Amino acid sequence: MMYCENLLVRIGEEMHPLLKEVSERLGIEDNIRQCSIDMLNAYGKKIVAEHSRQVANEAKRLAILYQEDFEAAEIAGYLHDISVTIQRDKHIEIAEYLDLDVLPEERAYPLIIHQKLSSEIARIVFGILDERILSAICCHSTLKANPTKMDLILFIADKIKWDQGGIPPYNDLVQEGLNKSLEDGVFAFVKYLYDNKSCLKVIHPWLVDAYNYLGMRLGSEPNII
């Protein structure tokens, strides 16, 4: 199945200088998995590279378990944080250059827009065509209302294989939920965030939408945040 164009096909296109720089640092190997890791390492993002590898493996495992396209899930995992190749203080600038909808919460805490930028880099630089992959990357930090199975898989794989070291404090809640269903496992994490929302830098509206959507789907009748 074709997920993308040739990795180097877009380098000659007009693009923001920082995106062009990222494009030009792609290796010649026509392998998204290895190229993404090599690129992250080239930018000194070794921790993110290892995190992405682990998320990709977990997304593949979950996709097999829940009967989704495991190759697409794996690719989404490798590329979900690829925007760390762009310096953080340029994230809003790049988002505006790409005509992305920049929400007030993202302006207040620009790190959170990295999910949208990673999706765009996957599309523009890596030539990803598969909308399931692009959608999952675009909401992997916050999720959103009416998520696809691929969205859910990448979202929770990213949380299971977090990059903070040790076992995540919500791990048991998530695993207990996943024993019931994929949606239950995801909602367990989203509810954990809601219960600890005072610790969040911002409350992203997509997260609110996901919380209420999943709560209604699972019959939890959540309070609107």
N, C-alpha and C. Protein backbone atom coordinates (compact mmCIF):
# COMPACT_ATOMS: atom_id res chain seq x y z
N MET A 1 0.84 -1.19 0.00
CA MET A 1 0.00 0.00 0.00
C MET A 1 0.88 1.25 0.00
N MET A 2 0.48 2.25 -0.78
CA MET A 2 1.27 3.47 -0.88
C MET A 2 0.84 4.47 0.18
N TYR A 3 1.76 4.86 1.03
CA TYR A 3 1.46 5.83 2.07
C TYR A 3 1.99 7.21 1.73
N CYS A 4 2.99 7.28 0.83
CA CYS A 4 3.65 8.56 0.59
C CYS A 4 4.25 8.61 -0.80
N GLU A 5 4.67 9.82 -1.19
CA GLU A 5 5.44 10.02 -2.40
C GLU A 5 6.90 9.70 -2.10
N ASN A 6 7.73 9.72 -3.13
CA ASN A 6 9.17 9.58 -2.91
C ASN A 6 9.64 10.63 -1.92
N LEU A 7 10.47 10.25 -0.97
CA LEU A 7 10.86 11.14 0.11
C LEU A 7 11.47 12.46 -0.36
N LEU A 8 12.13 12.44 -1.50
CA LEU A 8 12.86 13.63 -1.94
C LEU A 8 12.10 14.45 -2.98
N VAL A 9 10.85 14.09 -3.27
CA VAL A 9 10.15 14.70 -4.39
C VAL A 9 9.86 16.18 -4.18
N ARG A 10 9.74 16.64 -2.91
CA ARG A 10 9.28 17.99 -2.65
C ARG A 10 10.39 18.99 -2.37
N ILE A 11 11.61 18.56 -2.36
CA ILE A 11 12.70 19.44 -1.94
C ILE A 11 12.80 20.68 -2.82
N GLY A 12 12.50 20.55 -4.11
CA GLY A 12 12.63 21.68 -5.01
C GLY A 12 11.50 22.68 -4.91
N GLU A 13 10.43 22.36 -4.19
CA GLU A 13 9.29 23.26 -4.09
C GLU A 13 9.62 24.47 -3.21
N GLU A 14 8.90 25.55 -3.49
CA GLU A 14 9.06 26.75 -2.66
C GLU A 14 8.51 26.46 -1.27
N MET A 15 9.28 26.76 -0.26
CA MET A 15 8.82 26.53 1.11
C MET A 15 9.60 27.43 2.05
N HIS A 16 9.14 27.51 3.27
CA HIS A 16 9.81 28.31 4.29
C HIS A 16 11.26 27.81 4.43
N PRO A 17 12.22 28.74 4.61
CA PRO A 17 13.63 28.32 4.70
C PRO A 17 13.90 27.23 5.73
N LEU A 18 13.20 27.27 6.87
CA LEU A 18 13.44 26.24 7.88
C LEU A 18 12.92 24.88 7.42
N LEU A 19 11.79 24.86 6.72
CA LEU A 19 11.29 23.60 6.18
C LEU A 19 12.20 23.09 5.06
N LYS A 20 12.72 24.01 4.27
CA LYS A 20 13.64 23.63 3.22
C LYS A 20 14.91 23.02 3.81
N GLU A 21 15.38 23.60 4.90
CA GLU A 21 16.56 23.06 5.57
C GLU A 21 16.30 21.63 6.04
N VAL A 22 15.13 21.41 6.63
CA VAL A 22 14.78 20.06 7.07
C VAL A 22 14.74 19.12 5.88
N SER A 23 14.13 19.56 4.78
CA SER A 23 14.04 18.73 3.58
C SER A 23 15.41 18.34 3.07
N GLU A 24 16.31 19.30 3.04
CA GLU A 24 17.62 19.05 2.47
C GLU A 24 18.48 18.14 3.34
N ARG A 25 18.05 17.94 4.59
CA ARG A 25 18.82 17.06 5.48
C ARG A 25 18.30 15.63 5.46
N LEU A 26 17.31 15.36 4.61
CA LEU A 26 16.85 13.99 4.45
C LEU A 26 17.96 13.14 3.86
N GLY A 27 18.04 11.91 4.32
CA GLY A 27 19.00 10.98 3.73
C GLY A 27 18.52 10.49 2.38
N ILE A 28 19.37 9.77 1.68
CA ILE A 28 19.00 9.27 0.36
C ILE A 28 18.24 7.95 0.44
N GLU A 29 18.21 7.35 1.60
CA GLU A 29 17.52 6.06 1.73
C GLU A 29 16.01 6.27 1.70
N ASP A 30 15.34 5.53 0.83
CA ASP A 30 13.89 5.68 0.68
C ASP A 30 13.19 4.84 1.75
N ASN A 31 13.41 5.20 2.99
CA ASN A 31 12.87 4.47 4.13
C ASN A 31 12.47 5.48 5.19
N ILE A 32 11.18 5.69 5.35
CA ILE A 32 10.69 6.72 6.26
C ILE A 32 11.16 6.46 7.68
N ARG A 33 11.12 5.22 8.10
CA ARG A 33 11.49 4.90 9.47
C ARG A 33 12.93 5.33 9.76
N GLN A 34 13.86 4.89 8.92
CA GLN A 34 15.26 5.20 9.17
C GLN A 34 15.56 6.68 8.93
N CYS A 35 14.94 7.25 7.90
CA CYS A 35 15.19 8.67 7.61
C CYS A 35 14.72 9.56 8.75
N SER A 36 13.57 9.22 9.35
CA SER A 36 13.06 10.04 10.45
C SER A 36 13.99 9.98 11.65
N ILE A 37 14.48 8.80 11.97
CA ILE A 37 15.41 8.65 13.09
C ILE A 37 16.73 9.34 12.80
N ASP A 38 17.24 9.17 11.59
CA ASP A 38 18.49 9.83 11.21
C ASP A 38 18.35 11.34 11.29
N MET A 39 17.21 11.86 10.85
CA MET A 39 16.99 13.30 10.87
C MET A 39 16.95 13.83 12.31
N LEU A 40 16.23 13.14 13.17
CA LEU A 40 16.16 13.57 14.57
C LEU A 40 17.54 13.55 15.21
N ASN A 41 18.30 12.51 14.94
CA ASN A 41 19.65 12.43 15.49
C ASN A 41 20.55 13.53 14.92
N ALA A 42 20.37 13.86 13.64
CA ALA A 42 21.17 14.91 13.01
C ALA A 42 20.93 16.26 13.66
N TYR A 43 19.74 16.46 14.20
CA TYR A 43 19.41 17.70 14.90
C TYR A 43 19.70 17.62 16.40
N GLY A 44 20.35 16.55 16.82
CA GLY A 44 20.70 16.39 18.23
C GLY A 44 19.54 15.99 19.12
N LYS A 45 18.49 15.43 18.52
CA LYS A 45 17.29 15.05 19.28
C LYS A 45 17.27 13.54 19.53
N LYS A 46 18.30 13.05 20.19
CA LYS A 46 18.43 11.61 20.39
C LYS A 46 17.34 11.04 21.30
N ILE A 47 16.95 11.80 22.32
CA ILE A 47 15.89 11.33 23.22
C ILE A 47 14.58 11.23 22.45
N VAL A 48 14.28 12.23 21.62
CA VAL A 48 13.05 12.21 20.82
C VAL A 48 13.11 11.07 19.81
N ALA A 49 14.28 10.83 19.24
CA ALA A 49 14.43 9.74 18.29
C ALA A 49 14.09 8.40 18.94
N GLU A 50 14.61 8.17 20.14
CA GLU A 50 14.32 6.91 20.83
C GLU A 50 12.85 6.85 21.24
N HIS A 51 12.31 7.97 21.71
CA HIS A 51 10.88 8.03 22.05
C HIS A 51 10.04 7.70 20.82
N SER A 52 10.37 8.27 19.67
CA SER A 52 9.61 8.03 18.45
C SER A 52 9.68 6.56 18.04
N ARG A 53 10.85 5.96 18.19
CA ARG A 53 10.99 4.54 17.87
C ARG A 53 10.08 3.69 18.77
N GLN A 54 10.06 4.03 20.06
CA GLN A 54 9.23 3.27 21.00
C GLN A 54 7.74 3.48 20.73
N VAL A 55 7.37 4.71 20.43
CA VAL A 55 5.96 5.00 20.11
C VAL A 55 5.55 4.26 18.84
N ALA A 56 6.43 4.24 17.84
CA ALA A 56 6.13 3.52 16.60
C ALA A 56 5.91 2.03 16.87
N ASN A 57 6.76 1.45 17.69
CA ASN A 57 6.60 0.02 18.02
C ASN A 57 5.32 -0.24 18.79
N GLU A 58 5.00 0.66 19.73
CA GLU A 58 3.77 0.50 20.51
C GLU A 58 2.54 0.72 19.64
N ALA A 59 2.58 1.69 18.74
CA ALA A 59 1.46 1.94 17.83
C ALA A 59 1.24 0.73 16.93
N LYS A 60 2.33 0.13 16.46
CA LYS A 60 2.21 -1.07 15.64
C LYS A 60 1.57 -2.21 16.43
N ARG A 61 2.02 -2.38 17.68
CA ARG A 61 1.46 -3.44 18.53
C ARG A 61 -0.04 -3.24 18.75
N LEU A 62 -0.42 -2.02 19.08
CA LEU A 62 -1.83 -1.71 19.33
C LEU A 62 -2.66 -1.86 18.06
N ALA A 63 -2.09 -1.47 16.94
CA ALA A 63 -2.82 -1.59 15.67
C ALA A 63 -3.11 -3.05 15.35
N ILE A 64 -2.14 -3.91 15.59
CA ILE A 64 -2.36 -5.34 15.38
C ILE A 64 -3.43 -5.85 16.34
N LEU A 65 -3.34 -5.42 17.60
CA LEU A 65 -4.29 -5.86 18.62
C LEU A 65 -5.71 -5.43 18.30
N TYR A 66 -5.85 -4.20 17.81
CA TYR A 66 -7.18 -3.64 17.54
C TYR A 66 -7.54 -3.63 16.06
N GLN A 67 -6.83 -4.42 15.28
CA GLN A 67 -7.15 -4.68 13.86
C GLN A 67 -7.19 -3.40 13.03
N GLU A 68 -6.10 -2.63 13.12
CA GLU A 68 -5.92 -1.44 12.29
C GLU A 68 -4.68 -1.66 11.43
N ASP A 69 -4.46 -0.81 10.47
CA ASP A 69 -3.30 -0.90 9.57
C ASP A 69 -2.03 -0.64 10.38
N PHE A 70 -1.29 -1.69 10.66
CA PHE A 70 -0.14 -1.54 11.57
C PHE A 70 1.04 -0.82 10.92
N GLU A 71 1.18 -0.93 9.59
CA GLU A 71 2.27 -0.21 8.94
C GLU A 71 2.02 1.30 8.99
N ALA A 72 0.78 1.71 8.75
CA ALA A 72 0.44 3.13 8.82
C ALA A 72 0.61 3.66 10.24
N ALA A 73 0.20 2.87 11.23
CA ALA A 73 0.34 3.27 12.62
C ALA A 73 1.81 3.42 13.00
N GLU A 74 2.64 2.52 12.50
CA GLU A 74 4.07 2.58 12.78
C GLU A 74 4.70 3.84 12.18
N ILE A 75 4.34 4.16 10.93
CA ILE A 75 4.87 5.36 10.29
C ILE A 75 4.44 6.61 11.06
N ALA A 76 3.18 6.64 11.49
CA ALA A 76 2.70 7.77 12.29
C ALA A 76 3.53 7.93 13.55
N GLY A 77 3.88 6.82 14.17
CA GLY A 77 4.69 6.87 15.38
C GLY A 77 6.07 7.44 15.13
N TYR A 78 6.68 7.04 14.03
CA TYR A 78 8.02 7.55 13.72
C TYR A 78 8.02 9.05 13.45
N LEU A 79 6.93 9.57 12.89
CA LEU A 79 6.90 10.97 12.46
C LEU A 79 6.15 11.91 13.42
N HIS A 80 5.59 11.38 14.50
CA HIS A 80 4.68 12.21 15.28
C HIS A 80 5.35 13.42 15.94
N ASP A 81 6.63 13.34 16.24
CA ASP A 81 7.34 14.46 16.88
C ASP A 81 8.41 15.06 15.97
N ILE A 82 8.29 14.86 14.67
CA ILE A 82 9.35 15.29 13.75
C ILE A 82 9.53 16.80 13.74
N SER A 83 8.55 17.56 14.22
CA SER A 83 8.66 19.02 14.22
C SER A 83 9.66 19.54 15.24
N VAL A 84 10.23 18.67 16.08
CA VAL A 84 11.28 19.15 16.99
C VAL A 84 12.52 19.57 16.21
N THR A 85 12.57 19.25 14.93
CA THR A 85 13.66 19.71 14.08
C THR A 85 13.56 21.21 13.81
N ILE A 86 12.41 21.80 14.12
CA ILE A 86 12.22 23.25 14.00
C ILE A 86 12.34 23.86 15.39
N GLN A 87 13.18 24.89 15.52
CA GLN A 87 13.35 25.50 16.84
C GLN A 87 12.01 26.00 17.38
N ARG A 88 11.83 25.82 18.68
CA ARG A 88 10.53 26.05 19.29
C ARG A 88 10.03 27.48 19.14
N ASP A 89 10.93 28.45 19.17
CA ASP A 89 10.49 29.84 19.08
C ASP A 89 10.04 30.23 17.66
N LYS A 90 10.15 29.28 16.72
CA LYS A 90 9.70 29.51 15.36
C LYS A 90 8.40 28.76 15.04
N HIS A 91 7.87 28.04 16.01
CA HIS A 91 6.70 27.20 15.73
C HIS A 91 5.48 28.00 15.27
N ILE A 92 5.19 29.08 15.95
CA ILE A 92 4.03 29.89 15.57
C ILE A 92 4.27 30.53 14.21
N GLU A 93 5.47 31.02 13.98
CA GLU A 93 5.81 31.62 12.69
C GLU A 93 5.59 30.63 11.54
N ILE A 94 6.07 29.40 11.72
CA ILE A 94 5.91 28.38 10.68
C ILE A 94 4.43 28.03 10.51
N ALA A 95 3.70 27.92 11.61
CA ALA A 95 2.28 27.60 11.54
C ALA A 95 1.53 28.66 10.75
N GLU A 96 1.85 29.92 10.98
CA GLU A 96 1.20 31.00 10.25
C GLU A 96 1.60 30.98 8.77
N TYR A 97 2.87 30.68 8.51
CA TYR A 97 3.35 30.56 7.12
C TYR A 97 2.56 29.49 6.38
N LEU A 98 2.21 28.41 7.07
CA LEU A 98 1.49 27.30 6.48
C LEU A 98 -0.03 27.50 6.51
N ASP A 99 -0.46 28.69 7.00
CA ASP A 99 -1.89 29.02 7.09
C ASP A 99 -2.65 28.05 8.00
N LEU A 100 -1.99 27.57 9.03
CA LEU A 100 -2.68 26.73 10.01
C LEU A 100 -3.52 27.61 10.93
N ASP A 101 -4.58 27.03 11.44
CA ASP A 101 -5.41 27.73 12.42
C ASP A 101 -4.70 27.68 13.77
N VAL A 102 -4.18 28.82 14.20
CA VAL A 102 -3.46 28.88 15.47
C VAL A 102 -4.43 29.34 16.55
N LEU A 103 -4.71 28.47 17.49
CA LEU A 103 -5.67 28.77 18.56
C LEU A 103 -5.02 29.60 19.66
N PRO A 104 -5.81 30.34 20.43
CA PRO A 104 -5.26 31.15 21.52
C PRO A 104 -4.42 30.33 22.49
N GLU A 105 -4.87 29.10 22.77
CA GLU A 105 -4.14 28.23 23.69
C GLU A 105 -2.77 27.86 23.12
N GLU A 106 -2.69 27.76 21.81
CA GLU A 106 -1.41 27.42 21.17
C GLU A 106 -0.47 28.62 21.16
N ARG A 107 -1.02 29.81 21.06
CA ARG A 107 -0.18 31.00 21.17
C ARG A 107 0.34 31.17 22.59
N ALA A 108 -0.50 30.80 23.56
CA ALA A 108 -0.09 30.92 24.96
C ALA A 108 0.96 29.87 25.32
N TYR A 109 0.89 28.72 24.69
CA TYR A 109 1.83 27.62 24.98
C TYR A 109 2.20 26.95 23.66
N PRO A 110 3.14 27.58 22.91
CA PRO A 110 3.44 27.14 21.54
C PRO A 110 3.87 25.68 21.40
N LEU A 111 4.39 25.07 22.45
CA LEU A 111 4.81 23.68 22.34
C LEU A 111 3.69 22.79 21.84
N ILE A 112 2.46 23.11 22.21
CA ILE A 112 1.35 22.22 21.90
C ILE A 112 1.01 22.19 20.42
N ILE A 113 1.47 23.23 19.68
CA ILE A 113 1.18 23.23 18.24
C ILE A 113 2.12 22.31 17.48
N HIS A 114 3.06 21.69 18.18
CA HIS A 114 4.00 20.80 17.49
C HIS A 114 3.29 19.65 16.80
N GLN A 115 2.11 19.25 17.31
CA GLN A 115 1.39 18.15 16.67
C GLN A 115 0.94 18.54 15.26
N LYS A 116 0.45 19.77 15.11
CA LYS A 116 0.03 20.24 13.79
C LYS A 116 1.23 20.39 12.86
N LEU A 117 2.33 20.92 13.40
CA LEU A 117 3.53 21.11 12.58
C LEU A 117 4.12 19.77 12.15
N SER A 118 4.10 18.79 13.04
CA SER A 118 4.62 17.46 12.68
C SER A 118 3.81 16.86 11.53
N SER A 119 2.51 17.06 11.58
CA SER A 119 1.66 16.56 10.50
C SER A 119 2.00 17.23 9.18
N GLU A 120 2.25 18.54 9.24
CA GLU A 120 2.60 19.27 8.02
C GLU A 120 3.98 18.88 7.49
N ILE A 121 4.92 18.67 8.38
CA ILE A 121 6.25 18.22 7.93
C ILE A 121 6.16 16.82 7.33
N ALA A 122 5.33 15.97 7.93
CA ALA A 122 5.12 14.64 7.36
C ALA A 122 4.57 14.75 5.94
N ARG A 123 3.68 15.69 5.73
CA ARG A 123 3.06 15.86 4.41
C ARG A 123 4.01 16.54 3.42
N ILE A 124 4.58 17.66 3.84
CA ILE A 124 5.37 18.48 2.92
C ILE A 124 6.76 17.90 2.67
N VAL A 125 7.43 17.50 3.74
CA VAL A 125 8.82 17.06 3.63
C VAL A 125 8.90 15.57 3.30
N PHE A 126 8.12 14.74 4.01
CA PHE A 126 8.19 13.30 3.79
C PHE A 126 7.20 12.82 2.73
N GLY A 127 6.33 13.72 2.26
CA GLY A 127 5.41 13.36 1.19
C GLY A 127 4.33 12.37 1.59
N ILE A 128 3.93 12.38 2.85
CA ILE A 128 2.89 11.46 3.32
C ILE A 128 1.56 11.82 2.67
N LEU A 129 0.89 10.82 2.11
CA LEU A 129 -0.38 11.00 1.43
C LEU A 129 -1.56 10.49 2.25
N ASP A 130 -1.30 9.55 3.13
CA ASP A 130 -2.36 8.86 3.86
C ASP A 130 -2.97 9.79 4.92
N GLU A 131 -4.23 10.15 4.73
CA GLU A 131 -4.89 11.08 5.65
C GLU A 131 -5.05 10.50 7.05
N ARG A 132 -5.10 9.18 7.17
CA ARG A 132 -5.19 8.57 8.50
C ARG A 132 -3.92 8.87 9.30
N ILE A 133 -2.78 8.79 8.64
CA ILE A 133 -1.50 9.07 9.29
C ILE A 133 -1.42 10.54 9.67
N LEU A 134 -1.76 11.41 8.73
CA LEU A 134 -1.68 12.85 8.96
C LEU A 134 -2.62 13.28 10.09
N SER A 135 -3.82 12.74 10.10
CA SER A 135 -4.79 13.08 11.16
C SER A 135 -4.29 12.63 12.52
N ALA A 136 -3.76 11.41 12.59
CA ALA A 136 -3.30 10.89 13.88
C ALA A 136 -2.14 11.73 14.42
N ILE A 137 -1.21 12.10 13.55
CA ILE A 137 -0.09 12.94 13.99
C ILE A 137 -0.61 14.30 14.46
N CYS A 138 -1.58 14.85 13.72
CA CYS A 138 -2.07 16.20 13.99
C CYS A 138 -2.76 16.33 15.34
N CYS A 139 -3.25 15.22 15.91
CA CYS A 139 -3.95 15.31 17.20
C CYS A 139 -3.33 14.39 18.25
N HIS A 140 -2.06 14.03 18.07
CA HIS A 140 -1.49 13.01 18.97
C HIS A 140 -1.26 13.51 20.39
N SER A 141 -1.23 14.83 20.60
CA SER A 141 -1.05 15.36 21.96
C SER A 141 -2.38 15.60 22.66
N THR A 142 -3.38 16.05 21.91
CA THR A 142 -4.64 16.50 22.52
C THR A 142 -5.82 15.62 22.20
N LEU A 143 -5.71 14.80 21.15
CA LEU A 143 -6.83 14.09 20.56
C LEU A 143 -7.84 15.11 20.05
N LYS A 144 -9.06 14.68 19.73
CA LYS A 144 -10.10 15.57 19.23
C LYS A 144 -11.42 14.81 19.26
N ALA A 145 -12.49 15.50 18.96
CA ALA A 145 -13.80 14.84 18.91
C ALA A 145 -13.86 13.88 17.72
N ASN A 146 -14.65 12.84 17.86
CA ASN A 146 -14.87 11.86 16.79
C ASN A 146 -13.56 11.35 16.19
N PRO A 147 -12.64 10.88 17.02
CA PRO A 147 -11.34 10.42 16.51
C PRO A 147 -11.47 9.10 15.76
N THR A 148 -10.57 8.90 14.80
CA THR A 148 -10.51 7.62 14.13
C THR A 148 -9.78 6.62 15.02
N LYS A 149 -9.83 5.36 14.64
CA LYS A 149 -9.09 4.35 15.40
C LYS A 149 -7.60 4.65 15.35
N MET A 150 -7.11 5.13 14.21
CA MET A 150 -5.70 5.47 14.09
C MET A 150 -5.34 6.63 15.02
N ASP A 151 -6.23 7.63 15.12
CA ASP A 151 -6.02 8.74 16.05
C ASP A 151 -5.86 8.22 17.48
N LEU A 152 -6.76 7.33 17.88
CA LEU A 152 -6.74 6.78 19.23
C LEU A 152 -5.46 5.99 19.49
N ILE A 153 -5.05 5.20 18.50
CA ILE A 153 -3.88 4.34 18.68
C ILE A 153 -2.61 5.18 18.86
N LEU A 154 -2.40 6.16 18.01
CA LEU A 154 -1.18 6.96 18.14
C LEU A 154 -1.21 7.78 19.42
N PHE A 155 -2.37 8.34 19.75
CA PHE A 155 -2.51 9.16 20.96
C PHE A 155 -2.10 8.38 22.19
N ILE A 156 -2.63 7.17 22.35
CA ILE A 156 -2.36 6.43 23.58
C ILE A 156 -0.99 5.76 23.54
N ALA A 157 -0.49 5.42 22.35
CA ALA A 157 0.88 4.89 22.24
C ALA A 157 1.87 5.94 22.72
N ASP A 158 1.63 7.19 22.37
CA ASP A 158 2.50 8.29 22.79
C ASP A 158 2.49 8.45 24.31
N LYS A 159 1.37 8.19 24.94
CA LYS A 159 1.26 8.34 26.40
C LYS A 159 1.83 7.13 27.13
N ILE A 160 1.65 5.95 26.58
CA ILE A 160 2.22 4.75 27.20
C ILE A 160 3.75 4.81 27.16
N LYS A 161 4.29 5.25 26.04
CA LYS A 161 5.74 5.34 25.87
C LYS A 161 6.20 6.79 26.05
N TRP A 162 5.85 7.36 27.20
CA TRP A 162 6.20 8.76 27.42
C TRP A 162 7.72 8.90 27.55
N ASP A 163 8.18 10.13 27.42
CA ASP A 163 9.63 10.37 27.37
C ASP A 163 10.17 10.99 28.66
N GLN A 164 9.47 10.76 29.78
CA GLN A 164 9.89 11.36 31.05
C GLN A 164 10.67 10.40 31.94
N GLY A 165 10.83 9.17 31.51
CA GLY A 165 11.55 8.19 32.31
C GLY A 165 10.66 7.52 33.33
N GLY A 166 10.91 6.27 33.60
CA GLY A 166 10.11 5.53 34.58
C GLY A 166 8.74 5.16 34.04
N ILE A 167 7.88 4.73 34.95
CA ILE A 167 6.53 4.31 34.57
C ILE A 167 5.58 5.50 34.73
N PRO A 168 4.77 5.80 33.72
CA PRO A 168 3.84 6.93 33.84
C PRO A 168 2.89 6.74 35.02
N PRO A 169 2.53 7.81 35.72
CA PRO A 169 1.65 7.69 36.89
C PRO A 169 0.25 7.20 36.56
N TYR A 170 -0.14 7.30 35.31
CA TYR A 170 -1.47 6.89 34.87
C TYR A 170 -1.45 5.50 34.23
N ASN A 171 -0.32 4.84 34.25
CA ASN A 171 -0.14 3.60 33.49
C ASN A 171 -1.19 2.54 33.85
N ASP A 172 -1.40 2.31 35.14
CA ASP A 172 -2.35 1.27 35.56
C ASP A 172 -3.77 1.59 35.09
N LEU A 173 -4.15 2.86 35.18
CA LEU A 173 -5.49 3.28 34.73
C LEU A 173 -5.68 3.01 33.25
N VAL A 174 -4.66 3.35 32.47
CA VAL A 174 -4.73 3.16 31.02
C VAL A 174 -4.78 1.68 30.66
N GLN A 175 -3.92 0.89 31.30
CA GLN A 175 -3.88 -0.54 30.98
C GLN A 175 -5.18 -1.23 31.37
N GLU A 176 -5.75 -0.83 32.49
CA GLU A 176 -7.04 -1.38 32.90
C GLU A 176 -8.12 -1.04 31.87
N GLY A 177 -8.08 0.20 31.37
CA GLY A 177 -9.04 0.60 30.35
C GLY A 177 -8.84 -0.16 29.05
N LEU A 178 -7.59 -0.32 28.64
CA LEU A 178 -7.31 -1.03 27.39
C LEU A 178 -7.74 -2.48 27.44
N ASN A 179 -7.79 -3.05 28.63
CA ASN A 179 -8.28 -4.41 28.77
C ASN A 179 -9.75 -4.52 28.40
N LYS A 180 -10.46 -3.38 28.47
CA LYS A 180 -11.87 -3.34 28.07
C LYS A 180 -12.01 -3.01 26.60
N SER A 181 -11.39 -1.92 26.19
CA SER A 181 -11.45 -1.49 24.80
C SER A 181 -10.42 -0.39 24.57
N LEU A 182 -10.15 -0.11 23.31
CA LEU A 182 -9.24 0.98 22.96
C LEU A 182 -9.79 2.32 23.47
N GLU A 183 -11.07 2.56 23.26
CA GLU A 183 -11.67 3.81 23.70
C GLU A 183 -11.62 3.95 25.22
N ASP A 184 -11.84 2.86 25.95
CA ASP A 184 -11.77 2.92 27.41
C ASP A 184 -10.37 3.28 27.88
N GLY A 185 -9.36 2.72 27.22
CA GLY A 185 -7.99 3.03 27.60
C GLY A 185 -7.64 4.48 27.34
N VAL A 186 -8.08 5.00 26.20
CA VAL A 186 -7.82 6.40 25.86
C VAL A 186 -8.56 7.32 26.83
N PHE A 187 -9.82 6.98 27.10
CA PHE A 187 -10.60 7.84 28.00
C PHE A 187 -10.01 7.85 29.41
N ALA A 188 -9.43 6.74 29.82
CA ALA A 188 -8.80 6.69 31.15
C ALA A 188 -7.71 7.74 31.25
N PHE A 189 -6.92 7.89 30.18
CA PHE A 189 -5.87 8.91 30.20
C PHE A 189 -6.45 10.32 30.13
N VAL A 190 -7.42 10.53 29.25
CA VAL A 190 -8.02 11.86 29.10
C VAL A 190 -8.68 12.28 30.41
N LYS A 191 -9.34 11.35 31.09
CA LYS A 191 -9.96 11.67 32.38
C LYS A 191 -8.90 11.97 33.42
N TYR A 192 -7.78 11.25 33.36
CA TYR A 192 -6.66 11.54 34.27
C TYR A 192 -6.20 12.99 34.09
N LEU A 193 -6.08 13.42 32.84
CA LEU A 193 -5.70 14.81 32.59
C LEU A 193 -6.75 15.77 33.14
N TYR A 194 -8.02 15.45 32.92
CA TYR A 194 -9.09 16.32 33.42
C TYR A 194 -9.05 16.40 34.94
N ASP A 195 -8.85 15.28 35.59
CA ASP A 195 -8.80 15.26 37.05
C ASP A 195 -7.61 16.02 37.60
N ASN A 196 -6.58 16.19 36.76
CA ASN A 196 -5.37 16.92 37.17
C ASN A 196 -5.15 18.16 36.31
N LYS A 197 -6.23 18.75 35.85
CA LYS A 197 -6.12 19.84 34.89
C LYS A 197 -5.44 21.08 35.46
N SER A 198 -5.39 21.21 36.78
CA SER A 198 -4.70 22.35 37.37
C SER A 198 -3.21 22.32 37.08
N CYS A 199 -2.70 21.14 36.69
CA CYS A 199 -1.27 21.00 36.38
C CYS A 199 -0.96 21.31 34.91
N LEU A 200 -1.99 21.47 34.09
CA LEU A 200 -1.79 21.71 32.67
C LEU A 200 -1.44 23.18 32.41
N LYS A 201 -0.57 23.41 31.46
CA LYS A 201 -0.21 24.78 31.07
C LYS A 201 -1.42 25.47 30.46
N VAL A 202 -2.13 24.76 29.59
CA VAL A 202 -3.36 25.25 28.98
C VAL A 202 -4.31 24.06 28.84
N ILE A 203 -5.58 24.35 28.71
CA ILE A 203 -6.56 23.31 28.42
C ILE A 203 -6.97 23.49 26.96
N HIS A 204 -6.44 22.65 26.12
CA HIS A 204 -6.67 22.78 24.68
C HIS A 204 -8.11 22.40 24.35
N PRO A 205 -8.79 23.17 23.52
CA PRO A 205 -10.19 22.85 23.19
C PRO A 205 -10.38 21.49 22.54
N TRP A 206 -9.38 21.01 21.81
CA TRP A 206 -9.51 19.66 21.23
C TRP A 206 -9.57 18.61 22.33
N LEU A 207 -8.82 18.82 23.41
CA LEU A 207 -8.85 17.89 24.53
C LEU A 207 -10.22 17.90 25.19
N VAL A 208 -10.79 19.08 25.33
CA VAL A 208 -12.15 19.20 25.88
C VAL A 208 -13.13 18.42 25.01
N ASP A 209 -13.01 18.61 23.69
CA ASP A 209 -13.90 17.91 22.76
C ASP A 209 -13.74 16.40 22.89
N ALA A 210 -12.49 15.93 23.00
CA ALA A 210 -12.24 14.50 23.12
C ALA A 210 -12.82 13.95 24.42
N TYR A 211 -12.64 14.70 25.50
CA TYR A 211 -13.14 14.28 26.81
C TYR A 211 -14.66 14.09 26.77
N ASN A 212 -15.34 15.08 26.24
CA ASN A 212 -16.80 15.01 26.20
C ASN A 212 -17.30 13.97 25.20
N TYR A 213 -16.64 13.87 24.07
CA TYR A 213 -17.04 12.89 23.06
C TYR A 213 -16.90 11.46 23.60
N LEU A 214 -15.72 11.15 24.14
CA LEU A 214 -15.49 9.79 24.63
C LEU A 214 -16.35 9.49 25.85
N GLY A 215 -16.54 10.49 26.70
CA GLY A 215 -17.39 10.29 27.87
C GLY A 215 -18.81 9.92 27.48
N MET A 216 -19.33 10.61 26.49
CA MET A 216 -20.69 10.30 26.02
C MET A 216 -20.73 8.95 25.33
N ARG A 217 -19.70 8.64 24.56
CA ARG A 217 -19.64 7.34 23.87
C ARG A 217 -19.64 6.19 24.87
N LEU A 218 -18.95 6.39 25.98
CA LEU A 218 -18.80 5.32 26.97
C LEU A 218 -19.82 5.40 28.09
N GLY A 219 -20.71 6.36 28.00
CA GLY A 219 -21.77 6.49 28.98
C GLY A 219 -21.34 7.04 30.32
N SER A 220 -20.25 7.82 30.33
CA SER A 220 -19.74 8.36 31.58
C SER A 220 -20.36 9.69 31.97
N GLU A 221 -21.09 10.31 31.01
CA GLU A 221 -21.74 11.59 31.25
C GLU A 221 -20.77 12.59 31.91
N PRO A 222 -19.69 12.91 31.24
CA PRO A 222 -18.69 13.80 31.83
C PRO A 222 -19.20 15.21 31.99
N ASN A 223 -18.59 15.93 32.93
CA ASN A 223 -18.88 17.35 33.04
C ASN A 223 -18.16 18.09 31.92
N ILE A 224 -18.84 19.05 31.33
CA ILE A 224 -18.19 19.86 30.32
C ILE A 224 -17.10 20.70 31.00
N ILE A 225 -15.87 20.63 30.47
CA ILE A 225 -14.80 21.43 31.06
C ILE A 225 -15.02 22.89 30.75
